[in-house]
């Protein structure tokens, strides 16, 4: 099948199929005499594997390793599990970073009056150069933690 048909069958865009070929995750496609790429069932299975791996957030290098393990029928499953566990640890770290960003932004939104006045702690903080993580301290008891003008 051609690249458009392969894209439709795997839900991977033609652009991404070409990219996966260029970075070596997918073998370079056979070509027709007219130069059109041709894909077979093995290629489609690889594209589905890549798509599923990307959907789980694996990096291209991790996918390269997973593909190698997938094709190695003698692989010890502990290698696959170790790779997945390392990815879970990365996801946990990213999740903690996102939660910290959300908490900081929520605090700044709470501090902003959101009225017709020009003063705005969100803009002031972005302009201050203060690291966002430094703003995430708990407010004192009885205080909303906002600096009032």
N, C-alpha and C. Protein backbone atom coordinates (compact mmCIF):
# COMPACT_ATOMS: atom_id res chain seq x y z
N UNK A 1 0.84 -1.18 0.00
CA UNK A 1 0.00 0.00 0.00
C UNK A 1 0.88 1.24 0.00
N UNK A 2 0.32 2.35 -0.45
CA UNK A 2 1.10 3.59 -0.52
C UNK A 2 1.08 4.30 0.83
N UNK A 3 1.78 5.42 0.93
CA UNK A 3 1.93 6.11 2.21
C UNK A 3 0.59 6.63 2.74
N UNK A 4 -0.28 7.10 1.86
CA UNK A 4 -1.59 7.58 2.30
C UNK A 4 -2.42 6.47 2.89
N UNK A 5 -2.40 5.32 2.26
CA UNK A 5 -3.14 4.17 2.76
C UNK A 5 -2.54 3.68 4.08
N UNK A 6 -1.22 3.68 4.17
CA UNK A 6 -0.55 3.26 5.40
C UNK A 6 -0.88 4.23 6.54
N UNK A 7 -0.91 5.51 6.21
CA UNK A 7 -1.24 6.52 7.22
C UNK A 7 -2.65 6.30 7.74
N UNK A 8 -3.57 6.07 6.85
CA UNK A 8 -4.97 5.86 7.25
C UNK A 8 -5.11 4.58 8.07
N UNK A 9 -4.44 3.52 7.67
CA UNK A 9 -4.54 2.23 8.35
C UNK A 9 -3.92 2.24 9.74
N UNK A 10 -2.94 3.10 9.96
CA UNK A 10 -2.22 3.10 11.24
C UNK A 10 -2.49 4.32 12.10
N UNK A 11 -3.20 5.29 11.54
CA UNK A 11 -3.45 6.57 12.22
C UNK A 11 -2.15 7.30 12.55
N UNK A 12 -1.18 7.15 11.66
CA UNK A 12 0.09 7.87 11.74
C UNK A 12 0.16 8.70 10.47
N UNK A 13 0.36 10.00 10.60
CA UNK A 13 0.37 10.86 9.43
C UNK A 13 1.51 10.50 8.47
N UNK A 14 1.29 10.82 7.21
CA UNK A 14 2.33 10.56 6.20
C UNK A 14 3.62 11.29 6.57
N UNK A 15 3.47 12.50 7.10
CA UNK A 15 4.65 13.27 7.51
C UNK A 15 5.43 12.53 8.59
N UNK A 16 4.72 11.97 9.56
CA UNK A 16 5.40 11.23 10.64
C UNK A 16 5.99 9.92 10.12
N UNK A 17 5.32 9.28 9.19
CA UNK A 17 5.88 8.06 8.61
C UNK A 17 7.23 8.38 7.96
N UNK A 18 7.27 9.46 7.18
CA UNK A 18 8.54 9.86 6.55
C UNK A 18 9.58 10.19 7.62
N UNK A 19 9.15 10.85 8.71
CA UNK A 19 10.07 11.18 9.80
C UNK A 19 10.62 9.90 10.45
N UNK A 20 9.75 8.95 10.74
CA UNK A 20 10.21 7.71 11.37
C UNK A 20 11.18 6.96 10.47
N UNK A 21 10.98 7.05 9.16
CA UNK A 21 11.95 6.48 8.23
C UNK A 21 13.27 7.22 8.31
N UNK A 22 13.20 8.55 8.36
CA UNK A 22 14.43 9.35 8.34
C UNK A 22 15.27 9.16 9.59
N UNK A 23 14.63 8.85 10.73
CA UNK A 23 15.40 8.64 11.96
C UNK A 23 15.68 7.17 12.22
N UNK A 24 15.27 6.30 11.30
CA UNK A 24 15.63 4.90 11.38
C UNK A 24 14.73 4.03 12.25
N UNK A 25 13.57 4.54 12.68
CA UNK A 25 12.66 3.69 13.44
C UNK A 25 11.90 2.75 12.53
N UNK A 26 11.67 3.19 11.32
CA UNK A 26 10.97 2.39 10.32
C UNK A 26 11.95 2.20 9.16
N UNK A 27 12.10 0.96 8.67
CA UNK A 27 13.00 0.77 7.53
C UNK A 27 12.55 1.61 6.35
N UNK A 28 13.51 2.04 5.56
CA UNK A 28 13.18 2.83 4.38
C UNK A 28 12.25 2.00 3.49
N UNK A 29 11.19 2.63 3.05
CA UNK A 29 10.17 1.93 2.26
C UNK A 29 10.69 1.53 0.90
N UNK A 30 10.15 0.43 0.42
CA UNK A 30 10.42 0.06 -0.96
C UNK A 30 9.74 1.10 -1.85
N UNK A 31 10.22 1.25 -3.05
CA UNK A 31 9.66 2.25 -3.97
C UNK A 31 9.16 1.57 -5.24
N UNK A 32 8.10 2.14 -5.76
CA UNK A 32 7.62 1.69 -7.08
C UNK A 32 8.55 2.28 -8.14
N UNK A 33 8.37 1.87 -9.37
CA UNK A 33 9.16 2.43 -10.46
C UNK A 33 8.96 3.94 -10.57
N UNK A 34 7.79 4.39 -10.17
CA UNK A 34 7.49 5.83 -10.22
C UNK A 34 8.00 6.57 -8.97
N UNK A 35 8.59 5.84 -8.04
CA UNK A 35 9.18 6.46 -6.85
C UNK A 35 8.27 6.55 -5.64
N UNK A 36 7.07 5.96 -5.72
CA UNK A 36 6.15 6.01 -4.59
C UNK A 36 6.53 4.98 -3.54
N UNK A 37 6.41 5.37 -2.28
CA UNK A 37 6.70 4.44 -1.19
C UNK A 37 5.64 3.34 -1.15
N UNK A 38 6.08 2.14 -0.79
CA UNK A 38 5.17 1.00 -0.65
C UNK A 38 5.40 0.34 0.70
N UNK A 39 4.32 0.04 1.39
CA UNK A 39 4.39 -0.54 2.73
C UNK A 39 3.65 -1.87 2.76
N UNK A 40 4.17 -2.80 3.59
CA UNK A 40 3.53 -4.10 3.74
C UNK A 40 3.01 -4.25 5.17
N UNK A 41 2.48 -5.41 5.48
CA UNK A 41 1.88 -5.64 6.79
C UNK A 41 2.89 -5.49 7.93
N UNK A 42 4.12 -5.89 7.67
CA UNK A 42 5.17 -5.76 8.70
C UNK A 42 5.42 -4.28 9.00
N UNK A 43 5.46 -3.46 7.97
CA UNK A 43 5.63 -2.02 8.16
C UNK A 43 4.47 -1.42 8.96
N UNK A 44 3.25 -1.87 8.63
CA UNK A 44 2.07 -1.37 9.35
C UNK A 44 2.12 -1.76 10.82
N UNK A 45 2.55 -2.98 11.10
CA UNK A 45 2.66 -3.41 12.50
C UNK A 45 3.69 -2.56 13.24
N UNK A 46 4.79 -2.24 12.58
CA UNK A 46 5.81 -1.39 13.19
C UNK A 46 5.26 0.01 13.44
N UNK A 47 4.54 0.55 12.47
CA UNK A 47 3.95 1.88 12.66
C UNK A 47 2.94 1.90 13.81
N UNK A 48 2.14 0.86 13.93
CA UNK A 48 1.19 0.78 15.05
C UNK A 48 1.93 0.70 16.38
N UNK A 49 3.01 -0.06 16.40
CA UNK A 49 3.83 -0.18 17.62
C UNK A 49 4.40 1.18 18.00
N UNK A 50 4.92 1.90 17.02
CA UNK A 50 5.48 3.23 17.26
C UNK A 50 4.39 4.17 17.77
N UNK A 51 3.23 4.15 17.11
CA UNK A 51 2.13 5.03 17.53
C UNK A 51 1.71 4.73 18.97
N UNK A 52 1.56 3.46 19.30
CA UNK A 52 1.18 3.09 20.67
C UNK A 52 2.24 3.57 21.67
N UNK A 53 3.49 3.41 21.31
CA UNK A 53 4.58 3.83 22.19
C UNK A 53 4.57 5.34 22.37
N UNK A 54 4.34 6.09 21.28
CA UNK A 54 4.27 7.56 21.37
C UNK A 54 3.07 7.98 22.20
N UNK A 55 1.95 7.26 22.06
CA UNK A 55 0.76 7.57 22.85
C UNK A 55 1.03 7.43 24.35
N UNK A 56 1.97 6.57 24.70
CA UNK A 56 2.35 6.39 26.11
C UNK A 56 3.48 7.33 26.52
N UNK A 57 3.92 8.17 25.60
CA UNK A 57 4.91 9.19 25.93
C UNK A 57 6.36 8.75 25.84
N UNK A 58 6.63 7.60 25.28
CA UNK A 58 8.02 7.17 25.14
C UNK A 58 8.72 8.07 24.13
N UNK A 59 9.99 8.34 24.40
CA UNK A 59 10.82 9.14 23.49
C UNK A 59 11.19 8.29 22.28
N UNK A 60 11.71 8.94 21.25
CA UNK A 60 12.13 8.20 20.06
C UNK A 60 13.24 7.20 20.40
N UNK A 61 14.17 7.60 21.26
CA UNK A 61 15.23 6.66 21.64
C UNK A 61 14.69 5.48 22.43
N UNK A 62 13.73 5.74 23.32
CA UNK A 62 13.11 4.64 24.05
C UNK A 62 12.36 3.72 23.10
N UNK A 63 11.70 4.30 22.11
CA UNK A 63 10.98 3.49 21.12
C UNK A 63 11.96 2.65 20.31
N UNK A 64 13.09 3.24 19.99
CA UNK A 64 14.12 2.48 19.26
C UNK A 64 14.52 1.24 20.08
N UNK A 65 14.69 1.44 21.37
CA UNK A 65 15.05 0.32 22.24
C UNK A 65 13.90 -0.69 22.34
N UNK A 66 12.67 -0.18 22.48
CA UNK A 66 11.51 -1.07 22.54
C UNK A 66 11.35 -1.88 21.25
N UNK A 67 11.57 -1.24 20.12
CA UNK A 67 11.50 -1.96 18.84
C UNK A 67 12.52 -3.09 18.79
N UNK A 68 13.74 -2.79 19.27
CA UNK A 68 14.76 -3.83 19.31
C UNK A 68 14.36 -4.99 20.20
N UNK A 69 13.75 -4.66 21.33
CA UNK A 69 13.29 -5.72 22.23
C UNK A 69 12.12 -6.48 21.62
N UNK A 70 11.24 -5.78 20.94
CA UNK A 70 10.09 -6.42 20.30
C UNK A 70 10.55 -7.43 19.25
N UNK A 71 11.55 -7.05 18.48
CA UNK A 71 12.03 -7.93 17.42
C UNK A 71 12.91 -9.06 17.93
N UNK A 72 13.39 -8.95 19.15
CA UNK A 72 14.25 -9.98 19.74
C UNK A 72 13.37 -10.94 20.54
N UNK A 73 13.05 -12.07 19.96
CA UNK A 73 12.17 -13.04 20.62
C UNK A 73 12.84 -13.68 21.85
N UNK A 74 14.14 -13.50 22.02
CA UNK A 74 14.85 -14.07 23.17
C UNK A 74 15.04 -13.03 24.28
N UNK A 75 14.41 -11.88 24.12
CA UNK A 75 14.58 -10.80 25.10
C UNK A 75 14.09 -11.25 26.47
N UNK A 76 14.78 -10.85 27.51
CA UNK A 76 14.24 -11.07 28.85
C UNK A 76 13.21 -9.97 29.14
N UNK A 77 12.08 -10.33 29.64
CA UNK A 77 11.03 -9.35 29.89
C UNK A 77 11.47 -8.32 30.92
N UNK A 78 12.46 -8.65 31.74
CA UNK A 78 12.93 -7.69 32.74
C UNK A 78 13.49 -6.42 32.07
N UNK A 79 14.05 -6.57 30.85
CA UNK A 79 14.55 -5.39 30.14
C UNK A 79 13.40 -4.47 29.74
N UNK A 80 12.32 -5.06 29.27
CA UNK A 80 11.15 -4.27 28.88
C UNK A 80 10.56 -3.60 30.11
N UNK A 81 10.45 -4.36 31.19
CA UNK A 81 9.88 -3.83 32.43
C UNK A 81 10.74 -2.70 32.97
N UNK A 82 12.05 -2.85 32.94
CA UNK A 82 12.96 -1.81 33.43
C UNK A 82 12.81 -0.53 32.62
N UNK A 83 12.67 -0.67 31.32
CA UNK A 83 12.47 0.50 30.46
C UNK A 83 11.15 1.19 30.80
N UNK A 84 10.10 0.41 30.98
CA UNK A 84 8.79 0.98 31.33
C UNK A 84 8.82 1.62 32.71
N UNK A 85 9.50 1.00 33.66
CA UNK A 85 9.59 1.59 35.01
C UNK A 85 10.37 2.90 34.98
N UNK A 86 11.43 2.96 34.19
CA UNK A 86 12.19 4.21 34.07
C UNK A 86 11.31 5.29 33.46
N UNK A 87 10.48 4.92 32.51
CA UNK A 87 9.57 5.89 31.89
C UNK A 87 8.52 6.37 32.90
N UNK A 88 8.03 5.48 33.73
CA UNK A 88 7.08 5.87 34.77
C UNK A 88 7.73 6.89 35.71
N UNK A 89 8.99 6.67 36.07
CA UNK A 89 9.69 7.63 36.93
C UNK A 89 9.81 8.99 36.25
N UNK A 90 10.09 9.01 34.93
CA UNK A 90 10.14 10.27 34.19
C UNK A 90 8.78 10.95 34.19
N UNK A 91 7.72 10.17 33.98
CA UNK A 91 6.37 10.73 33.98
C UNK A 91 6.01 11.30 35.35
N UNK A 92 6.40 10.59 36.41
CA UNK A 92 6.14 11.10 37.77
C UNK A 92 6.84 12.44 38.00
N UNK A 93 8.06 12.56 37.52
CA UNK A 93 8.81 13.80 37.65
C UNK A 93 8.14 14.93 36.88
N UNK A 94 7.73 14.64 35.64
CA UNK A 94 7.05 15.65 34.83
C UNK A 94 5.72 16.05 35.46
N UNK A 95 5.02 15.07 36.02
CA UNK A 95 3.74 15.35 36.68
C UNK A 95 3.95 16.27 37.88
N UNK A 96 5.00 16.02 38.66
CA UNK A 96 5.29 16.89 39.81
C UNK A 96 5.60 18.31 39.34
N UNK A 97 6.36 18.44 38.25
CA UNK A 97 6.67 19.76 37.70
C UNK A 97 5.39 20.47 37.25
N UNK A 98 4.51 19.74 36.57
CA UNK A 98 3.25 20.34 36.11
C UNK A 98 2.37 20.76 37.29
N UNK A 99 2.34 19.94 38.33
CA UNK A 99 1.54 20.28 39.51
C UNK A 99 2.09 21.53 40.19
N UNK A 100 3.41 21.67 40.24
CA UNK A 100 4.02 22.86 40.84
C UNK A 100 3.71 24.09 40.00
N UNK A 101 3.77 23.96 38.67
CA UNK A 101 3.43 25.09 37.80
C UNK A 101 1.98 25.50 38.01
N UNK A 102 1.11 24.52 38.09
CA UNK A 102 -0.31 24.80 38.27
C UNK A 102 -0.55 25.51 39.60
N UNK A 103 0.10 25.04 40.66
CA UNK A 103 -0.08 25.65 41.98
C UNK A 103 0.42 27.10 41.97
N UNK A 104 1.55 27.35 41.35
CA UNK A 104 2.09 28.70 41.27
C UNK A 104 1.15 29.61 40.49
N UNK A 105 0.70 29.14 39.36
CA UNK A 105 -0.20 29.94 38.54
C UNK A 105 -1.53 30.17 39.24
N UNK A 106 -2.05 29.16 39.91
CA UNK A 106 -3.31 29.32 40.65
C UNK A 106 -3.14 30.36 41.74
N UNK A 107 -1.99 30.36 42.42
CA UNK A 107 -1.73 31.35 43.46
C UNK A 107 -1.70 32.75 42.86
N UNK A 108 -1.02 32.91 41.73
CA UNK A 108 -0.95 34.22 41.08
C UNK A 108 -2.33 34.68 40.61
N UNK A 109 -3.12 33.78 40.10
CA UNK A 109 -4.48 34.13 39.67
C UNK A 109 -5.30 34.57 40.87
N UNK A 110 -5.14 33.89 41.99
CA UNK A 110 -5.86 34.26 43.21
C UNK A 110 -5.46 35.66 43.66
N UNK A 111 -4.21 36.01 43.48
CA UNK A 111 -3.71 37.31 43.92
C UNK A 111 -4.08 38.45 42.98
N UNK A 112 -4.42 38.14 41.75
CA UNK A 112 -4.75 39.17 40.78
C UNK A 112 -6.19 39.63 41.01
N UNK A 113 -6.39 40.93 41.08
CA UNK A 113 -7.73 41.48 41.30
C UNK A 113 -8.62 41.25 40.08
N UNK A 114 -8.04 41.23 38.92
CA UNK A 114 -8.83 41.00 37.72
C UNK A 114 -9.84 42.10 37.45
N UNK A 115 -9.45 43.33 37.79
CA UNK A 115 -10.37 44.45 37.60
C UNK A 115 -9.79 45.44 36.60
N UNK A 116 -10.21 46.69 36.67
CA UNK A 116 -9.76 47.70 35.71
C UNK A 116 -8.41 48.32 36.06
N UNK A 117 -7.87 47.97 37.23
CA UNK A 117 -6.57 48.53 37.61
C UNK A 117 -5.47 47.87 36.80
N UNK A 118 -4.40 48.61 36.50
CA UNK A 118 -3.32 48.04 35.69
C UNK A 118 -2.38 47.11 36.46
N UNK A 119 -2.33 47.23 37.81
CA UNK A 119 -1.40 46.38 38.55
C UNK A 119 -1.89 44.93 38.50
N UNK A 120 -0.93 44.05 38.27
CA UNK A 120 -1.26 42.63 38.12
C UNK A 120 -0.08 41.79 38.59
N UNK A 121 -0.28 40.99 39.63
CA UNK A 121 0.83 40.16 40.13
C UNK A 121 1.29 39.10 39.13
N UNK A 122 0.43 38.71 38.22
CA UNK A 122 0.84 37.72 37.21
C UNK A 122 1.91 38.35 36.31
N UNK A 123 1.60 39.55 35.77
CA UNK A 123 2.55 40.26 34.91
C UNK A 123 3.80 40.63 35.71
N UNK A 124 3.62 41.14 36.93
CA UNK A 124 4.76 41.53 37.76
C UNK A 124 5.70 40.35 37.99
N UNK A 125 5.15 39.18 38.26
CA UNK A 125 5.96 37.99 38.51
C UNK A 125 6.70 37.56 37.25
N UNK A 126 6.00 37.57 36.12
CA UNK A 126 6.65 37.19 34.87
C UNK A 126 7.80 38.13 34.53
N UNK A 127 7.64 39.41 34.87
CA UNK A 127 8.66 40.41 34.57
C UNK A 127 9.79 40.43 35.59
N UNK A 128 9.56 39.85 36.77
CA UNK A 128 10.54 39.97 37.86
C UNK A 128 11.77 39.09 37.68
N UNK A 129 11.63 38.01 36.94
CA UNK A 129 12.74 37.09 36.80
C UNK A 129 12.87 36.14 37.98
N UNK A 130 11.96 36.24 38.95
CA UNK A 130 11.96 35.34 40.09
C UNK A 130 11.57 33.95 39.61
N UNK A 131 12.35 32.93 39.94
CA UNK A 131 11.99 31.57 39.52
C UNK A 131 10.60 31.21 40.03
N UNK A 132 9.80 30.62 39.17
CA UNK A 132 8.42 30.29 39.52
C UNK A 132 8.34 29.39 40.74
N UNK A 133 9.27 28.47 40.89
CA UNK A 133 9.26 27.57 42.03
C UNK A 133 9.42 28.28 43.36
N UNK A 134 10.09 29.44 43.34
CA UNK A 134 10.30 30.20 44.57
C UNK A 134 9.01 30.84 45.06
N UNK A 135 8.01 30.92 44.21
CA UNK A 135 6.76 31.56 44.57
C UNK A 135 5.78 30.58 45.21
N UNK A 136 6.14 29.34 45.27
CA UNK A 136 5.21 28.30 45.68
C UNK A 136 5.22 28.02 47.17
N UNK A 137 5.62 28.97 47.99
CA UNK A 137 5.61 28.72 49.43
C UNK A 137 4.21 28.91 49.98
N UNK A 138 3.91 28.21 51.02
CA UNK A 138 2.57 28.28 51.62
C UNK A 138 2.38 29.65 52.27
N UNK A 139 1.19 30.24 52.11
CA UNK A 139 0.94 31.54 52.73
C UNK A 139 0.83 31.41 54.25
N UNK A 140 1.14 32.49 54.92
CA UNK A 140 1.05 32.50 56.39
C UNK A 140 -0.41 32.33 56.80
N UNK A 141 -0.62 31.82 58.01
CA UNK A 141 -1.97 31.61 58.52
C UNK A 141 -2.71 32.95 58.55
N UNK A 142 -3.95 32.91 58.11
CA UNK A 142 -4.76 34.13 58.10
C UNK A 142 -4.46 35.05 56.94
N UNK A 143 -3.59 34.62 56.05
CA UNK A 143 -3.21 35.45 54.91
C UNK A 143 -3.45 34.67 53.64
N UNK A 144 -3.75 35.37 52.59
CA UNK A 144 -3.91 34.67 51.31
C UNK A 144 -2.58 34.57 50.59
N UNK A 145 -1.51 35.12 51.19
CA UNK A 145 -0.17 35.04 50.61
C UNK A 145 0.09 36.04 49.51
N UNK A 146 -0.84 36.93 49.27
CA UNK A 146 -0.69 37.92 48.20
C UNK A 146 -0.13 39.19 48.77
N UNK A 147 0.73 39.81 48.01
CA UNK A 147 1.26 41.12 48.40
C UNK A 147 0.28 42.18 47.93
N UNK A 148 -0.31 42.89 48.84
CA UNK A 148 -1.28 43.91 48.49
C UNK A 148 -0.56 45.20 48.13
N UNK A 149 -1.04 45.89 47.08
CA UNK A 149 -0.40 47.14 46.69
C UNK A 149 -0.67 48.24 47.69
